[in-house]
C-alpha cells in the first residue's frame, strides 16, 4: 500500500483526484489532506507519506513554500512529489 497526502486549496479538485485514484488503483491510501501552506506543513509534520500530491498555487502561498518550511524543520521529505495545478 502506498500512502499519500493531497494538498490543494480547491476542495473539488481534491475530491476529484481521490475519486480518480480510487477508480484506477487500490494501491494508494490517502492519509491526509490540506488546503493551505499552514495546514500542509502541519499534516506533513504529523505524517510521512510516500507520495505528496502538491498544488503549486495555494491561497496563502505556494507548494514550494511548504517544501522550504519542511526543509528547515525536518531537513527534507522522502516523499515522491507530484505537482498538481490547474
C-alpha atoms as a PDB file:
ATOM      1  CA  UNK A   1       0.000   0.000   0.000  1.00  0.00           C
ATOM      2  CA  UNK A   2       1.296   3.424  -0.985  1.00  0.00           C
ATOM      3  CA  UNK A   3       0.487   6.274   1.409  1.00  0.00           C
ATOM      4  CA  UNK A   4      -0.277   9.738   0.057  1.00  0.00           C
ATOM      5  CA  UNK A   5      -1.221  13.257   1.125  1.00  0.00           C
ATOM      6  CA  UNK A   6      -3.211  15.709  -1.036  1.00  0.00           C
ATOM      7  CA  UNK A   7      -2.546  19.429  -0.701  1.00  0.00           C
ATOM      8  CA  UNK A   8      -4.736  21.680  -2.836  1.00  0.00           C
ATOM      9  CA  UNK A   9      -6.809  24.735  -1.943  1.00  0.00           C
ATOM     10  CA  UNK A  10      -9.689  23.585  -4.171  1.00  0.00           C
ATOM     11  CA  UNK A  11     -11.810  21.018  -2.335  1.00  0.00           C
ATOM     12  CA  UNK A  12     -13.438  19.896  -5.593  1.00  0.00           C
ATOM     13  CA  UNK A  13     -10.061  19.082  -7.117  1.00  0.00           C
ATOM     14  CA  UNK A  14      -9.054  17.106  -4.014  1.00  0.00           C
ATOM     15  CA  UNK A  15     -12.333  15.197  -4.172  1.00  0.00           C
ATOM     16  CA  UNK A  16     -11.894  14.568  -7.896  1.00  0.00           C
ATOM     17  CA  UNK A  17      -8.330  13.337  -7.530  1.00  0.00           C
ATOM     18  CA  UNK A  18      -9.347  10.993  -4.712  1.00  0.00           C
ATOM     19  CA  UNK A  19     -12.152   9.622  -6.902  1.00  0.00           C
ATOM     20  CA  UNK A  20      -9.757   9.015  -9.793  1.00  0.00           C
ATOM     21  CA  UNK A  21      -7.251   7.288  -7.553  1.00  0.00           C
ATOM     22  CA  UNK A  22      -9.972   5.081  -6.063  1.00  0.00           C
ATOM     23  CA  UNK A  23     -11.296   4.247  -9.513  1.00  0.00           C
ATOM     24  CA  UNK A  24      -7.991   3.247 -11.074  1.00  0.00           C
ATOM     25  CA  UNK A  25      -5.988   1.786  -8.207  1.00  0.00           C
ATOM     26  CA  UNK A  26      -6.430   0.269  -4.801  1.00  0.00           C
ATOM     27  CA  UNK A  27      -2.717   0.648  -4.054  1.00  0.00           C
ATOM     28  CA  UNK A  28      -2.841   4.294  -2.892  1.00  0.00           C
ATOM     29  CA  UNK A  29      -4.198   5.155   0.550  1.00  0.00           C
ATOM     30  CA  UNK A  30      -4.846   8.861   1.277  1.00  0.00           C
ATOM     31  CA  UNK A  31      -3.646   9.501   4.835  1.00  0.00           C
ATOM     32  CA  UNK A  32      -4.235  13.243   4.903  1.00  0.00           C
ATOM     33  CA  UNK A  33      -5.424  16.357   3.118  1.00  0.00           C
ATOM     34  CA  UNK A  34      -4.701  20.053   3.432  1.00  0.00           C
ATOM     35  CA  UNK A  35      -5.822  23.265   1.741  1.00  0.00           C
ATOM     36  CA  UNK A  36      -3.066  25.752   2.556  1.00  0.00           C
ATOM     37  CA  UNK A  37       0.618  26.158   3.300  1.00  0.00           C
ATOM     38  CA  UNK A  38      -0.131  26.262   7.034  1.00  0.00           C
ATOM     39  CA  UNK A  39      -2.278  23.123   7.090  1.00  0.00           C
ATOM     40  CA  UNK A  40       0.004  21.413   4.573  1.00  0.00           C
ATOM     41  CA  UNK A  41       3.057  21.838   6.769  1.00  0.00           C
ATOM     42  CA  UNK A  42       1.060  20.651   9.782  1.00  0.00           C
ATOM     43  CA  UNK A  43      -0.125  17.443   8.087  1.00  0.00           C
ATOM     44  CA  UNK A  44       3.335  16.666   6.744  1.00  0.00           C
ATOM     45  CA  UNK A  45       4.893  17.139  10.168  1.00  0.00           C
ATOM     46  CA  UNK A  46       2.462  14.506  11.514  1.00  0.00           C
ATOM     47  CA  UNK A  47       2.634  12.015   8.651  1.00  0.00           C
ATOM     48  CA  UNK A  48       5.302  10.551   6.421  1.00  0.00           C
ATOM     49  CA  UNK A  49       3.575   9.882   3.094  1.00  0.00           C
ATOM     50  CA  UNK A  50       5.337   8.093   0.301  1.00  0.00           C
ATOM     51  CA  UNK A  51       3.667  10.344  -2.284  1.00  0.00           C
ATOM     52  CA  UNK A  52       2.711  14.007  -1.992  1.00  0.00           C
ATOM     53  CA  UNK A  53       0.201  15.459  -4.467  1.00  0.00           C
ATOM     54  CA  UNK A  54       1.045  19.146  -4.170  1.00  0.00           C
ATOM     55  CA  UNK A  55      -0.688  22.141  -5.736  1.00  0.00           C
ATOM     56  CA  UNK A  56       1.712  24.850  -6.865  1.00  0.00           C
ATOM     57  CA  UNK A  57      -0.528  27.847  -6.081  1.00  0.00           C
ATOM     58  CA  UNK A  58      -2.279  27.837  -2.699  1.00  0.00           C
ATOM     59  CA  UNK A  59      -4.397  30.507  -1.037  1.00  0.00           C
ATOM     60  CA  UNK A  60      -1.608  31.535   1.367  1.00  0.00           C
ATOM     61  CA  UNK A  61       1.497  30.804  -0.702  1.00  0.00           C
ATOM     62  CA  UNK A  62       2.914  28.052  -2.890  1.00  0.00           C
ATOM     63  CA  UNK A  63       3.704  24.379  -2.681  1.00  0.00           C
ATOM     64  CA  UNK A  64       7.349  25.395  -2.755  1.00  0.00           C
ATOM     65  CA  UNK A  65       6.782  27.338   0.491  1.00  0.00           C
ATOM     66  CA  UNK A  66       5.694  24.072   2.100  1.00  0.00           C
ATOM     67  CA  UNK A  67       8.832  22.309   0.888  1.00  0.00           C
ATOM     68  CA  UNK A  68      11.036  25.157   2.152  1.00  0.00           C
ATOM     69  CA  UNK A  69       9.424  25.091   5.603  1.00  0.00           C
ATOM     70  CA  UNK A  70       9.813  21.320   5.801  1.00  0.00           C
ATOM     71  CA  UNK A  71      13.449  21.615   4.807  1.00  0.00           C
ATOM     72  CA  UNK A  72      14.007  23.981   7.745  1.00  0.00           C
ATOM     73  CA  UNK A  73      12.308  21.735  10.295  1.00  0.00           C
ATOM     74  CA  UNK A  74      12.862  18.192   9.011  1.00  0.00           C
ATOM     75  CA  UNK A  75      15.775  18.591   6.628  1.00  0.00           C
ATOM     76  CA  UNK A  76      13.852  17.161   3.656  1.00  0.00           C
ATOM     77  CA  UNK A  77      10.944  14.984   2.662  1.00  0.00           C
ATOM     78  CA  UNK A  78      11.389  11.482   1.349  1.00  0.00           C
ATOM     79  CA  UNK A  79       8.033  11.602  -0.434  1.00  0.00           C
ATOM     80  CA  UNK A  80       7.773  11.467  -4.196  1.00  0.00           C
ATOM     81  CA  UNK A  81       6.205  14.778  -5.199  1.00  0.00           C
ATOM     82  CA  UNK A  82       3.557  15.054  -7.899  1.00  0.00           C
ATOM     83  CA  UNK A  83       2.789  18.693  -8.668  1.00  0.00           C
ATOM     84  CA  UNK A  84      -0.832  19.375  -9.490  1.00  0.00           C
ATOM     85  CA  UNK A  85      -2.148  22.645 -10.894  1.00  0.00           C
ATOM     86  CA  UNK A  86      -4.982  23.997 -12.978  1.00  0.00           C
END
